[in-house]
Amino acid sequence: MSREPNVIYVGRKPPMNYVLGIITSFSRANAKEVTLKARGQAITTAVDAVEITRHRFIKDLSIGKITIGTEEMPPREGESRAMNVSTIEITLTKAENPPSESNTGSSSS
């Protein structure tokens, strides 16, 4: 877990590790949204984790915002120029439970 609340940094672990992190973040303190951040080759893992969570575990989860960008990495030892690395931030939001028909007071008859 990161220092920022409800932010998960995706790296080299398998997608199911991040799925567990997403589920844990939503159940802790009834969070309304969780953000996954990834860069480079970890972007595919982040997308996989989001899709697994949405389709298998939390059905009322929706994608609130996706932000893509590029970071310039300083040159490594022995290299002469900086490298550009792609980044992504995926914000997931959990839908509020809609009021049931019995609580609205209207009848269909």
Protein backbone atom coordinates (compact mmCIF):
# COMPACT_ATOMS: atom_id res chain seq x y z
CA MET A 1 0.00 0.00 0.00
CA SER A 2 1.17 3.53 -0.61
CA ARG A 3 1.24 6.59 1.61
CA GLU A 4 -1.54 8.15 -0.43
CA PRO A 5 -4.95 6.88 0.60
CA ASN A 6 -6.65 4.58 -1.89
CA VAL A 7 -3.78 4.68 -4.42
CA ILE A 8 -2.26 1.43 -5.65
CA TYR A 9 1.04 1.46 -7.54
CA VAL A 10 1.18 -1.41 -10.04
CA GLY A 11 4.53 -3.11 -10.64
CA ARG A 12 5.79 -6.57 -11.49
CA LYS A 13 3.53 -8.72 -9.33
CA PRO A 14 0.74 -10.85 -10.86
CA PRO A 15 -2.59 -9.08 -11.51
CA MET A 16 -4.42 -10.99 -8.75
CA ASN A 17 -2.23 -9.32 -6.13
CA TYR A 18 -3.54 -5.94 -7.29
CA VAL A 19 -7.11 -7.27 -7.50
CA LEU A 20 -6.84 -8.12 -3.81
CA GLY A 21 -5.47 -4.62 -3.14
CA ILE A 22 -8.42 -3.04 -4.96
CA ILE A 23 -10.97 -5.13 -3.05
CA THR A 24 -9.23 -4.38 0.25
CA SER A 25 -9.12 -0.64 -0.48
CA PHE A 26 -12.84 -0.53 -1.24
CA SER A 27 -13.79 -2.48 1.88
CA ARG A 28 -11.56 -0.40 4.17
CA ALA A 29 -13.45 2.65 5.46
CA ASN A 30 -16.08 2.33 2.71
CA ALA A 31 -13.94 4.08 0.11
CA LYS A 32 -15.82 5.59 -2.83
CA GLU A 33 -12.88 5.48 -5.25
CA VAL A 34 -9.50 3.81 -5.72
CA THR A 35 -6.76 4.87 -8.15
CA LEU A 36 -4.28 2.52 -9.83
CA LYS A 37 -1.06 4.04 -11.13
CA ALA A 38 1.31 2.25 -13.50
CA ARG A 39 4.01 3.02 -16.01
CA GLY A 40 5.77 1.16 -18.79
CA GLN A 41 5.10 -2.55 -19.07
CA ALA A 42 3.07 -2.53 -15.84
CA ILE A 43 0.23 -0.75 -17.69
CA THR A 44 -1.07 -4.07 -19.02
CA THR A 45 -1.05 -5.54 -15.51
CA ALA A 46 -3.05 -2.54 -14.22
CA VAL A 47 -5.65 -2.93 -16.96
CA ASP A 48 -5.89 -6.69 -16.31
CA ALA A 49 -6.37 -6.11 -12.57
CA VAL A 50 -9.15 -3.57 -13.19
CA GLU A 51 -10.98 -5.83 -15.63
CA ILE A 52 -10.70 -8.91 -13.39
CA THR A 53 -12.04 -6.91 -10.44
CA ARG A 54 -14.93 -5.43 -12.45
CA HIS A 55 -16.06 -8.65 -14.07
CA ARG A 56 -15.44 -11.26 -11.35
CA PHE A 57 -15.55 -9.61 -7.95
CA ILE A 58 -17.20 -6.17 -7.70
CA LYS A 59 -19.94 -5.94 -10.33
CA ASP A 60 -21.01 -2.37 -9.47
CA LEU A 61 -17.51 -0.98 -10.07
CA SER A 62 -17.09 1.56 -12.84
CA ILE A 63 -14.16 3.40 -14.34
CA GLY A 64 -14.36 7.01 -13.24
CA LYS A 65 -11.38 8.49 -15.05
CA ILE A 66 -8.38 7.35 -17.08
CA THR A 67 -5.36 9.62 -17.40
CA ILE A 68 -2.46 8.78 -19.70
CA GLY A 69 0.84 10.55 -20.03
CA THR A 70 4.59 10.32 -20.48
CA GLU A 71 7.41 10.71 -17.97
CA GLU A 72 10.95 11.48 -18.97
CA MET A 73 13.38 9.18 -17.20
CA PRO A 74 16.97 10.38 -16.71
CA PRO A 75 19.62 8.52 -18.71
CA ARG A 76 20.98 5.38 -17.09
CA GLU A 77 24.67 4.87 -16.56
CA GLY A 78 26.39 4.51 -19.91
CA GLU A 79 23.51 6.04 -21.88
CA SER A 80 23.58 9.50 -23.35
CA ARG A 81 19.89 10.43 -23.63
CA ALA A 82 16.78 10.30 -21.49
CA MET A 83 14.00 7.78 -22.10
CA ASN A 84 10.25 8.45 -22.28
CA VAL A 85 8.03 6.09 -20.29
CA SER A 86 4.25 5.89 -20.70
CA THR A 87 2.07 6.28 -17.61
CA ILE A 88 -1.56 5.58 -16.77
CA GLU A 89 -3.86 6.38 -13.86
CA ILE A 90 -7.15 4.51 -13.64
CA THR A 91 -9.68 5.77 -11.10
CA LEU A 92 -12.33 3.24 -10.10
CA THR A 93 -15.58 4.31 -8.47
CA LYS A 94 -18.05 2.15 -6.66
CA ALA A 95 -21.68 2.84 -7.55
CA GLU A 96 -24.00 3.87 -4.76
CA ASN A 97 -26.72 1.35 -4.00
CA PRO A 98 -29.81 2.62 -5.81
CA PRO A 99 -32.93 2.84 -3.63
CA SER A 100 -35.15 -0.20 -3.97
CA GLU A 101 -38.69 0.16 -5.32
CA SER A 102 -40.22 -0.67 -1.94
CA ASN A 103 -38.51 2.36 -0.36
CA THR A 104 -39.63 4.92 -2.94
CA GLY A 105 -43.30 4.84 -1.94
CA SER A 106 -44.59 4.56 -5.51
CA SER A 107 -46.56 1.58 -6.70
CA SER A 108 -46.79 0.18 -10.20
CA SER A 109 -50.48 -0.74 -10.04
